[in-house]
């Protein structure tokens, strides 16, 4: 098997190995904001860093993947050539979810994921050969080769072209290079097919296909929820009580959102047509969830005002308002 470079995902996010889910999420958000290619001056460097942060978050934010990754334990050191220990599948609780380069090793470039990720968490398609009767024997269709491709929400909004390279273990020549068109509106799990670029057939059978499975990269501001995008908007208590105008980020720049007086925490506001492209044209919506945050450090003057408010107010949320 080709050796791959071990990735230390905890180091990438700068969190301890026993970090909680919330620690991991906030470390990701902080780093992703800092290295998002749209904000950084060093675009190429930021893009690379953003992909690494995303990959680390994808593994560590998923309980199952994190358990399997932790099962590799002390066998890996960041950046070192890494070959899995003989019993790593058993240690990880079975083979499910680990690709393990099962079919004729292929290493990919340009997918946004490291070889380490592809070999352990990528899905490898295949399912054996398909037989087609040929003259004097069975012609066999080559296996499909499958890899994950990391697609940003910006790419899913506008579509893009990417160059993917692949190096087959058998090949000593230069890596093969393909231009891949990522259509606007592409969704998680969708497969982009490069016909005939999988493994070669046997006895005159056709080649398999190369399938790139779309994984939408995590964004510091937005989540994908069904067809729509969603994000959280934090309000101060007085903004929710009195109403206000707030700048809200969207995929194509910020918009002003009018918050009506008396807005409750947990309310969802729909920004029409500011989600991702949908079949048949147009775009889905951006759902903004309002979360009211309460100040925790008060000056003496602020405390005095809150106390006055509590004395003059007849509001009782536990007794019908």
Protein backbone atom coordinates (compact mmCIF):
# COMPACT_ATOMS: atom_id res chain seq x y z
CA UNK A 1 0.00 0.00 0.00
CA UNK A 2 1.12 3.55 -0.62
CA UNK A 3 2.18 5.27 2.57
CA UNK A 4 0.21 8.38 3.47
CA UNK A 5 1.12 11.33 5.70
CA UNK A 6 -0.55 11.10 9.11
CA UNK A 7 -2.77 14.10 9.91
CA UNK A 8 -2.97 15.29 13.52
CA UNK A 9 -6.47 16.72 13.55
CA UNK A 10 -6.31 17.83 17.19
CA UNK A 11 -3.18 19.86 16.45
CA UNK A 12 -4.79 21.37 13.33
CA UNK A 13 -7.66 22.76 15.43
CA UNK A 14 -5.41 23.52 18.40
CA UNK A 15 -7.55 21.53 20.85
CA UNK A 16 -6.72 18.89 23.48
CA UNK A 17 -7.40 15.23 22.70
CA UNK A 18 -10.19 15.18 25.28
CA UNK A 19 -11.79 18.40 23.97
CA UNK A 20 -15.60 18.53 24.17
CA UNK A 21 -17.80 18.84 21.09
CA UNK A 22 -18.41 22.53 21.93
CA UNK A 23 -14.66 23.22 22.24
CA UNK A 24 -14.10 21.62 18.84
CA UNK A 25 -16.92 23.59 17.24
CA UNK A 26 -15.78 26.94 18.59
CA UNK A 27 -12.12 26.25 17.67
CA UNK A 28 -13.28 25.41 14.13
CA UNK A 29 -15.41 28.55 13.83
CA UNK A 30 -12.62 30.80 15.05
CA UNK A 31 -10.02 29.31 12.69
CA UNK A 32 -12.42 29.05 9.74
CA UNK A 33 -13.31 32.73 10.06
CA UNK A 34 -9.65 33.66 10.17
CA UNK A 35 -8.63 31.52 7.19
CA UNK A 36 -11.74 31.79 5.02
CA UNK A 37 -10.36 32.50 1.52
CA UNK A 38 -12.81 35.43 1.15
CA UNK A 39 -11.26 37.37 4.03
CA UNK A 40 -7.59 36.43 3.91
CA UNK A 41 -5.06 38.43 1.89
CA UNK A 42 -2.99 35.33 1.12
CA UNK A 43 -5.74 33.55 -0.85
CA UNK A 44 -3.88 30.38 -1.85
CA UNK A 45 -2.40 29.85 1.62
CA UNK A 46 -5.77 30.47 3.25
CA UNK A 47 -7.52 28.04 0.90
CA UNK A 48 -5.11 25.26 1.85
CA UNK A 49 -5.42 26.02 5.57
CA UNK A 50 -9.23 26.25 5.32
CA UNK A 51 -9.36 22.76 3.76
CA UNK A 52 -7.17 21.31 6.53
CA UNK A 53 -9.34 22.90 9.24
CA UNK A 54 -12.46 21.56 7.52
CA UNK A 55 -11.08 18.05 7.24
CA UNK A 56 -10.09 18.05 10.93
CA UNK A 57 -13.54 19.32 11.91
CA UNK A 58 -15.34 16.79 9.74
CA UNK A 59 -13.56 13.94 11.55
CA UNK A 60 -13.58 15.30 15.10
CA UNK A 61 -17.16 16.63 15.05
CA UNK A 62 -18.52 13.22 14.04
CA UNK A 63 -18.59 10.81 17.01
CA UNK A 64 -18.13 7.69 14.90
CA UNK A 65 -15.26 9.11 12.83
CA UNK A 66 -13.57 10.54 15.92
CA UNK A 67 -13.74 7.14 17.66
CA UNK A 68 -12.14 5.44 14.66
CA UNK A 69 -9.49 8.12 14.39
CA UNK A 70 -8.68 7.87 18.11
CA UNK A 71 -8.36 4.10 17.70
CA UNK A 72 -5.28 4.73 15.51
CA UNK A 73 -3.85 6.21 18.69
CA UNK A 74 -0.13 6.56 18.99
CA UNK A 75 0.57 5.06 15.57
CA UNK A 76 0.61 8.42 13.89
CA UNK A 77 2.82 11.45 14.07
CA UNK A 78 1.94 14.54 12.11
CA UNK A 79 3.54 14.65 8.67
CA UNK A 80 5.21 11.23 9.03
CA UNK A 81 4.76 8.46 6.49
CA UNK A 82 2.01 6.38 7.97
CA UNK A 83 1.11 2.76 7.37
CA UNK A 84 -1.78 1.46 9.44
CA UNK A 85 -0.94 -1.09 12.14
CA UNK A 86 -1.88 -4.68 11.25
CA UNK A 87 -5.01 -4.76 13.42
CA UNK A 88 -6.24 -1.19 12.89
CA UNK A 89 -9.58 -2.26 11.38
CA UNK A 90 -10.43 -4.41 14.39
CA UNK A 91 -9.25 -1.71 16.79
CA UNK A 92 -11.55 0.74 15.04
CA UNK A 93 -14.52 -1.56 15.43
CA UNK A 94 -14.80 -3.16 12.03
CA UNK A 95 -14.14 -1.95 8.54
CA UNK A 96 -17.23 0.20 8.08
CA UNK A 97 -16.43 3.75 7.06
CA UNK A 98 -12.73 3.12 6.48
CA UNK A 99 -11.86 3.04 2.82
CA UNK A 100 -8.40 1.64 3.28
CA UNK A 101 -7.45 1.92 -0.43
CA UNK A 102 -9.11 -1.42 -1.08
CA UNK A 103 -8.84 -1.36 -4.82
CA UNK A 104 -5.57 -0.76 -6.57
CA UNK A 105 -4.18 2.20 -4.69
CA UNK A 106 -4.98 5.57 -6.15
CA UNK A 107 -3.81 8.84 -4.64
CA UNK A 108 -5.75 11.97 -5.46
CA UNK A 109 -4.77 15.63 -5.65
CA UNK A 110 -7.08 18.62 -5.82
CA UNK A 111 -10.04 17.01 -4.03
CA UNK A 112 -9.55 19.18 -0.94
CA UNK A 113 -8.99 16.10 1.25
CA UNK A 114 -5.63 14.62 2.25
CA UNK A 115 -4.62 11.10 1.18
CA UNK A 116 -4.85 10.19 4.86
CA UNK A 117 -8.53 11.20 4.96
CA UNK A 118 -9.29 9.48 1.65
CA UNK A 119 -7.65 6.25 2.76
CA UNK A 120 -9.44 6.03 6.10
CA UNK A 121 -12.70 7.91 5.76
CA UNK A 122 -13.24 8.23 2.02
CA UNK A 123 -15.65 5.83 0.43
CA UNK A 124 -14.19 3.47 -2.10
CA UNK A 125 -16.72 2.27 -4.59
CA UNK A 126 -16.22 -0.79 -6.69
CA UNK A 127 -18.20 -3.81 -5.63
CA UNK A 128 -16.22 -6.18 -7.84
CA UNK A 129 -16.25 -6.67 -11.56
CA UNK A 130 -19.29 -6.79 -13.79
CA UNK A 131 -19.16 -9.57 -16.29
CA UNK A 132 -19.98 -9.22 -19.94
CA UNK A 133 -19.61 -12.25 -22.18
CA UNK A 134 -16.74 -11.79 -24.62
CA UNK A 135 -15.40 -14.03 -27.35
CA UNK A 136 -13.82 -17.06 -25.71
CA UNK A 137 -14.27 -16.02 -22.07
CA UNK A 138 -15.67 -13.39 -19.76
CA UNK A 139 -14.88 -9.77 -20.40
CA UNK A 140 -14.92 -7.88 -17.14
CA UNK A 141 -15.78 -4.23 -16.62
CA UNK A 142 -13.17 -2.50 -14.49
CA UNK A 143 -14.11 -1.35 -11.02
CA UNK A 144 -15.30 2.15 -10.28
CA UNK A 145 -12.93 4.25 -8.22
CA UNK A 146 -14.53 6.64 -5.76
CA UNK A 147 -13.15 9.61 -3.86
CA UNK A 148 -14.54 12.50 -1.85
CA UNK A 149 -14.30 16.05 -3.14
CA UNK A 150 -14.62 19.01 -0.79
CA UNK A 151 -16.90 21.67 -2.27
CA UNK A 152 -17.35 25.06 -0.56
CA UNK A 153 -20.80 26.62 -0.23
CA UNK A 154 -19.54 29.41 -2.51
CA UNK A 155 -18.78 26.81 -5.21
CA UNK A 156 -22.19 25.21 -4.66
CA UNK A 157 -23.73 28.66 -5.18
CA UNK A 158 -21.89 29.61 -8.36
CA UNK A 159 -20.53 26.34 -9.73
CA UNK A 160 -16.83 25.98 -10.46
CA UNK A 161 -14.15 24.09 -12.36
CA UNK A 162 -11.50 22.11 -10.50
CA UNK A 163 -8.45 20.18 -11.62
CA UNK A 164 -8.19 16.74 -10.03
CA UNK A 165 -5.05 14.64 -10.33
CA UNK A 166 -4.74 10.94 -9.68
CA UNK A 167 -1.72 8.74 -9.38
CA UNK A 168 -2.29 5.02 -9.75
CA UNK A 169 -0.01 2.69 -7.82
CA UNK A 170 0.77 0.76 -11.00
CA UNK A 171 1.64 3.92 -12.93
CA UNK A 172 5.17 5.20 -12.84
CA UNK A 173 4.37 8.09 -15.16
CA UNK A 174 3.18 11.57 -14.20
CA UNK A 175 -0.19 11.90 -12.41
CA UNK A 176 -3.26 11.94 -14.68
CA UNK A 177 -5.08 15.25 -14.63
CA UNK A 178 -8.81 15.90 -15.19
CA UNK A 179 -10.87 19.04 -15.28
CA UNK A 180 -14.02 18.55 -13.24
CA UNK A 181 -17.08 20.75 -13.59
CA UNK A 182 -18.88 21.29 -10.30
CA UNK A 183 -22.42 22.37 -11.15
CA UNK A 184 -24.14 25.18 -9.23
CA UNK A 185 -26.64 23.76 -6.75
CA UNK A 186 -24.61 20.60 -6.13
CA UNK A 187 -25.64 18.84 -2.89
CA UNK A 188 -24.00 16.73 -0.18
CA UNK A 189 -23.47 13.13 -1.31
CA UNK A 190 -24.07 13.86 -5.00
CA UNK A 191 -21.65 12.03 -7.29
CA UNK A 192 -19.82 13.63 -10.18
CA UNK A 193 -18.97 10.92 -12.69
CA UNK A 194 -15.92 10.83 -14.96
CA UNK A 195 -16.88 8.01 -17.30
CA UNK A 196 -14.22 5.43 -18.13
CA UNK A 197 -11.58 6.83 -15.75
CA UNK A 198 -11.82 4.07 -13.13
CA UNK A 199 -9.89 0.79 -13.25
CA UNK A 200 -9.20 -0.83 -16.61
CA UNK A 201 -11.37 -3.73 -17.75
CA UNK A 202 -10.21 -7.33 -18.18
CA UNK A 203 -10.30 -9.35 -21.43
CA UNK A 204 -11.57 -6.45 -23.49
CA UNK A 205 -14.17 -5.29 -20.93
CA UNK A 206 -14.83 -1.55 -20.54
CA UNK A 207 -13.10 0.56 -17.88
CA UNK A 208 -14.95 1.53 -14.71
CA UNK A 209 -15.79 5.13 -13.84
CA UNK A 210 -14.24 7.63 -11.47
CA UNK A 211 -16.88 8.91 -9.06
CA UNK A 212 -16.28 12.02 -6.99
CA UNK A 213 -18.63 12.22 -4.02
CA UNK A 214 -19.45 15.77 -2.99
CA UNK A 215 -18.84 16.73 0.64
CA UNK A 216 -19.92 20.30 1.31
CA UNK A 217 -17.30 21.99 3.44
CA UNK A 218 -18.37 23.42 6.78
CA UNK A 219 -18.79 27.18 6.83
CA UNK A 220 -18.18 29.32 9.93
CA UNK A 221 -21.55 31.08 9.46
CA UNK A 222 -23.96 28.80 7.62
CA UNK A 223 -25.32 25.27 7.95
CA UNK A 224 -27.12 23.37 5.22
CA UNK A 225 -30.57 22.29 6.42
CA UNK A 226 -32.45 20.30 3.80
CA UNK A 227 -32.84 22.61 0.80
CA UNK A 228 -32.17 25.76 2.84
CA UNK A 229 -29.19 27.41 4.49
CA UNK A 230 -29.45 28.45 8.12
CA UNK A 231 -27.49 30.62 10.50
CA UNK A 232 -27.81 32.05 13.98
CA UNK A 233 -28.22 35.72 14.78
CA UNK A 234 -27.32 36.85 18.29
CA UNK A 235 -29.35 39.75 19.73
CA UNK A 236 -29.02 41.72 22.94
CA UNK A 237 -32.20 41.62 25.08
CA UNK A 238 -33.06 45.28 24.34
CA UNK A 239 -32.68 44.73 20.58
CA UNK A 240 -35.27 41.95 20.78
CA UNK A 241 -37.58 43.98 23.01
CA UNK A 242 -37.46 47.27 21.09
CA UNK A 243 -36.80 45.94 17.57
CA UNK A 244 -33.81 47.01 15.46
CA UNK A 245 -32.04 46.75 12.10
CA UNK A 246 -29.14 44.27 11.93
CA UNK A 247 -26.58 43.38 9.28
CA UNK A 248 -26.82 39.65 8.56
CA UNK A 249 -24.17 37.74 6.57
CA UNK A 250 -25.36 35.80 3.50
CA UNK A 251 -23.34 33.86 0.92
CA UNK A 252 -23.31 36.85 -1.39
CA UNK A 253 -22.54 39.65 1.09
CA UNK A 254 -24.51 41.11 4.04
CA UNK A 255 -28.11 42.30 4.01
CA UNK A 256 -30.04 44.43 6.50
CA UNK A 257 -32.69 42.57 8.46
CA UNK A 258 -35.48 44.35 10.32
CA UNK A 259 -36.11 42.73 13.70
CA UNK A 260 -39.65 43.51 14.90
CA UNK A 261 -40.20 44.66 18.51
CA UNK A 262 -40.96 41.76 20.84
CA UNK A 263 -38.99 39.13 18.88
CA UNK A 264 -38.62 35.89 20.87
CA UNK A 265 -35.47 33.77 21.16
CA UNK A 266 -35.72 30.74 18.86
CA UNK A 267 -37.80 32.56 16.26
CA UNK A 268 -36.78 31.73 12.68
CA UNK A 269 -36.92 34.42 10.03
CA UNK A 270 -36.86 33.47 6.36
CA UNK A 271 -34.72 35.45 3.94
CA UNK A 272 -36.18 34.39 0.60
CA UNK A 273 -33.90 33.40 -2.26
CA UNK A 274 -30.67 33.70 -0.29
CA UNK A 275 -29.93 29.97 0.03
CA UNK A 276 -28.44 27.62 -2.58
CA UNK A 277 -29.60 27.10 -6.18
CA UNK A 278 -32.48 24.62 -6.53
CA UNK A 279 -33.60 22.40 -9.41
CA UNK A 280 -35.76 24.26 -11.89
CA UNK A 281 -34.06 27.62 -11.21
CA UNK A 282 -34.08 30.09 -8.37
CA UNK A 283 -32.57 29.68 -4.94
CA UNK A 284 -33.70 28.25 -1.63
CA UNK A 285 -33.97 30.38 1.50
CA UNK A 286 -31.70 31.44 4.32
CA UNK A 287 -33.33 30.71 7.68
CA UNK A 288 -32.06 33.02 10.41
CA UNK A 289 -32.57 31.76 13.95
CA UNK A 290 -32.73 34.47 16.60
CA UNK A 291 -30.81 33.77 19.82
CA UNK A 292 -31.01 36.30 22.63
CA UNK A 293 -27.76 36.59 24.56
CA UNK A 294 -27.80 38.00 28.06
CA UNK A 295 -24.94 40.18 29.32
CA UNK A 296 -22.98 38.46 32.08
CA UNK A 297 -20.66 41.28 33.18
CA UNK A 298 -22.50 44.40 34.29
CA UNK A 299 -21.19 47.81 35.33
CA UNK A 300 -22.71 49.35 38.46
CA UNK A 301 -24.78 51.71 36.26
CA UNK A 302 -26.13 48.84 34.16
CA UNK A 303 -26.99 46.79 37.21
CA UNK A 304 -28.90 49.75 38.66
CA UNK A 305 -30.96 50.08 35.47
CA UNK A 306 -31.76 46.33 35.32
CA UNK A 307 -32.82 46.49 38.99
CA UNK A 308 -35.10 49.47 38.28
CA UNK A 309 -36.54 47.64 35.29
CA UNK A 310 -37.24 44.54 37.38
CA UNK A 311 -39.06 46.69 39.93
CA UNK A 312 -41.27 48.63 37.50
CA UNK A 313 -42.00 45.71 35.13
CA UNK A 314 -45.08 43.53 35.62
CA UNK A 315 -43.75 40.99 33.07
CA UNK A 316 -43.90 37.40 34.36
CA UNK A 317 -42.92 34.82 31.69
CA UNK A 318 -43.94 31.88 33.90
CA UNK A 319 -47.39 33.26 34.45
CA UNK A 320 -48.72 34.11 31.02
CA UNK A 321 -46.51 37.16 30.33
